[in-house]
Protein backbone atom coordinates (compact mmCIF):
# COMPACT_ATOMS: atom_id res chain seq x y z
CA MET A 1 -0.13 0.24 -0.14
CA LEU A 2 1.18 3.45 -0.86
CA ASN A 3 -0.12 6.69 0.60
CA ARG A 4 2.26 9.40 -0.43
CA VAL A 5 1.68 13.22 -1.20
CA VAL A 6 3.80 16.19 -2.66
CA LEU A 7 2.80 19.81 -2.88
CA VAL A 8 4.12 23.14 -3.31
CA GLY A 9 1.73 25.58 -3.19
CA ARG A 10 1.05 28.71 -1.01
CA LEU A 11 -0.26 29.35 2.41
CA THR A 12 -3.81 30.70 1.80
CA ARG A 13 -3.73 31.98 5.09
CA ASP A 14 -1.06 32.24 8.54
CA PRO A 15 -0.69 28.89 9.98
CA ASP A 16 -2.85 28.24 12.92
CA LEU A 17 -0.86 26.43 15.95
CA ARG A 18 -2.42 24.89 18.92
CA TYR A 19 -1.42 23.10 21.54
CA THR A 20 -2.85 19.47 22.87
CA PRO A 21 -3.82 19.00 26.37
CA ASN A 22 -0.34 17.29 26.64
CA GLY A 23 1.42 19.55 25.34
CA VAL A 24 1.61 18.54 21.58
CA ALA A 25 1.90 21.03 18.93
CA VAL A 26 -0.02 20.69 15.79
CA ALA A 27 -0.63 23.25 13.31
CA ASN A 28 -3.56 23.48 10.78
CA PHE A 29 -2.87 25.47 7.58
CA ASN A 30 -4.18 25.70 3.90
CA ILE A 31 -2.28 25.71 0.86
CA ALA A 32 -3.20 26.84 -2.75
CA VAL A 33 -1.83 24.82 -5.19
CA ASN A 34 -2.12 25.82 -9.31
CA ARG A 35 -3.67 22.89 -11.18
CA PRO A 36 -1.20 22.10 -14.50
CA PHE A 37 -3.52 23.26 -17.05
CA SER A 38 -6.03 25.74 -17.93
CA ASN A 39 -10.03 26.19 -18.02
CA GLN A 40 -12.23 26.76 -20.90
CA GLN A 41 -11.91 30.47 -20.68
CA GLY A 42 -8.13 30.13 -20.24
CA ASN A 43 -7.29 30.83 -16.33
CA ARG A 44 -5.70 28.85 -14.49
CA GLU A 45 -7.31 27.34 -11.34
CA ALA A 46 -6.33 26.12 -8.06
CA ASP A 47 -7.23 23.44 -5.69
CA PHE A 48 -6.96 24.60 -1.66
CA ILE A 49 -5.81 21.73 0.44
CA ASN A 50 -6.12 21.41 3.90
CA CYS A 51 -3.14 20.31 5.56
CA VAL A 52 -1.88 19.32 9.41
CA ILE A 53 1.55 19.16 10.81
CA TRP A 54 2.56 18.08 14.51
CA ARG A 55 5.07 18.68 16.83
CA ARG A 56 8.60 20.92 16.33
CA PRO A 57 7.68 21.21 12.28
CA ALA A 58 4.43 22.82 13.06
CA GLU A 59 5.99 25.29 15.53
CA ASN A 60 8.54 25.86 13.03
CA LEU A 61 6.05 26.47 10.39
CA ALA A 62 3.85 29.04 12.62
CA ASN A 63 6.80 30.64 13.33
CA TYR A 64 8.25 31.54 9.94
CA MET A 65 5.80 31.13 7.22
CA LYS A 66 2.80 33.41 6.91
CA LYS A 67 -0.01 33.94 4.13
CA GLY A 68 1.48 33.92 0.76
CA SER A 69 4.83 31.59 1.73
CA MET A 70 5.44 29.30 -0.95
CA VAL A 71 6.04 25.80 0.69
CA GLY A 72 6.59 22.48 -0.34
CA VAL A 73 4.75 19.68 1.62
CA ASP A 74 5.43 15.98 2.32
CA GLY A 75 3.09 13.80 3.59
CA ARG A 76 -0.11 11.62 3.31
CA ILE A 77 -3.72 11.72 3.00
CA GLN A 78 -6.06 11.14 5.88
CA THR A 79 -9.77 10.72 6.53
CA ARG A 80 -11.30 11.14 9.66
CA ASN A 81 -14.98 12.06 11.00
CA PHE A 82 -16.15 13.32 14.00
CA GLU A 83 -19.83 14.03 15.28
CA GLY A 84 -20.97 17.81 14.47
CA GLN A 85 -22.73 20.02 17.09
CA ASP A 86 -25.73 19.03 14.72
CA GLY A 87 -25.21 15.56 15.78
CA LYS A 88 -24.46 15.21 12.19
CA THR A 89 -21.24 12.80 11.02
CA VAL A 90 -18.82 15.15 9.70
CA TYR A 91 -16.15 13.64 7.13
CA VAL A 92 -12.87 15.52 6.77
CA THR A 93 -10.23 14.67 4.12
CA GLU A 94 -6.77 16.44 4.77
CA VAL A 95 -2.79 16.23 4.00
CA VAL A 96 -0.87 15.02 7.37
CA ALA A 97 2.32 16.62 6.92
CA ASP A 98 5.49 14.52 7.34
CA SER A 99 7.65 17.64 6.44
CA VAL A 100 7.00 21.26 5.30
CA GLN A 101 9.98 22.54 3.33
CA PHE A 102 9.97 26.52 3.16
CA LEU A 103 10.48 27.97 -0.34
CA GLU A 104 10.76 31.03 0.01
CA THR A 105 13.12 32.88 2.87
CA LYS A 106 11.70 34.89 5.27
CA GLY A 107 10.56 38.50 3.76
CA SER A 108 11.63 37.66 0.48
CA GLN A 109 7.80 36.93 -0.73
CA GLY A 110 6.37 40.60 -1.75
CA GLY A 111 3.22 41.22 0.99
CA GLN A 112 -0.40 40.74 0.23
CA ASP A 113 -1.91 43.81 -0.82
CA SER A 114 -5.87 44.47 0.42
CA SER A 115 -7.22 43.48 -2.96
CA GLY A 116 -5.35 39.82 -2.57
CA GLY A 117 -2.76 40.39 -4.97
CA TYR A 118 0.66 40.80 -4.77
CA GLN A 119 3.29 43.48 -4.52
CA GLN A 120 6.31 42.82 -5.84
CA ASN A 121 9.55 44.36 -2.91
CA LYS A 122 11.19 46.67 -4.75
CA ASN A 123 14.62 45.70 -2.76
CA GLN A 124 14.36 42.20 -4.12
CA ASN A 125 13.87 43.55 -7.54
CA GLN A 126 17.46 45.51 -6.95
CA TYR A 127 18.83 42.81 -5.61
CA GLN A 128 18.45 40.46 -8.21
CA ASN A 129 19.22 42.93 -11.04
CA GLN A 130 22.90 43.33 -8.98
CA ASN A 131 23.03 39.68 -8.95
CA GLN A 132 22.58 39.34 -12.84
CA TYR A 133 24.73 42.29 -13.24
CA ALA A 134 27.37 40.52 -11.23
CA SER A 135 26.68 37.34 -12.93
CA ASN A 136 27.47 38.92 -16.49
CA GLN A 137 30.87 40.06 -15.08
CA ASN A 138 31.77 36.77 -13.86
CA GLN A 139 31.59 35.06 -17.75
CA ASP A 140 34.88 36.47 -18.60
CA GLN A 141 36.39 34.87 -15.76
CA GLU A 142 38.02 31.61 -15.75
CA ASP A 143 35.76 28.58 -16.24
CA PRO A 144 35.32 26.47 -13.48
CA PHE A 145 34.18 23.45 -15.16
CA LYS A 146 37.23 23.76 -17.67
CA ASN A 147 38.79 20.08 -16.34
CA ASN A 148 36.36 18.14 -17.86
CA GLY A 149 35.48 15.75 -15.70
CA GLU A 150 39.06 14.98 -14.11
CA PRO A 151 38.19 13.97 -10.49
CA ILE A 152 38.64 16.31 -7.59
CA ASP A 153 40.31 15.72 -3.89
CA ILE A 154 37.39 16.51 -1.62
CA SER A 155 36.98 15.25 1.68
CA ASP A 156 33.30 12.91 3.20
CA ASP A 157 33.05 15.46 5.55
CA ASP A 158 33.01 18.11 3.05
CA LEU A 159 29.89 16.45 1.36
CA PRO A 160 26.25 17.56 2.43
CA PHE A 161 24.39 14.24 2.44
């Protein structure tokens, strides 16, 4: 059996961090995930997916990400039910996240304005333009790949994996 979900999307609201009576952190959040195709009118639609994450990753999500932040979610689909206030059974399907990757650094995404659109961060544009200029300047320098596959001397301690 396999139940694995991988999603990339933007938070539709700030994560809702709570604690169980035993003190275990749990964060509920919702992400908007664009569909890979356009509808008949030529517009891209999105799915809004409920997610939950537990313990330390829940606290990290709530502390560092906010509405509009792009995240990657790795987890599984879970269905549960409970009795609603009206006595009827309520069914909930959600993604239980094993991990959430922060795909933007804190403050890198533009803030959301009151109309719901995203405003571009002016400083970010300037930073990108400077980096583009610097990378163009570096093209005249020595090619770091000129050895064409020759072995390099690197210790296992320096490898990130």
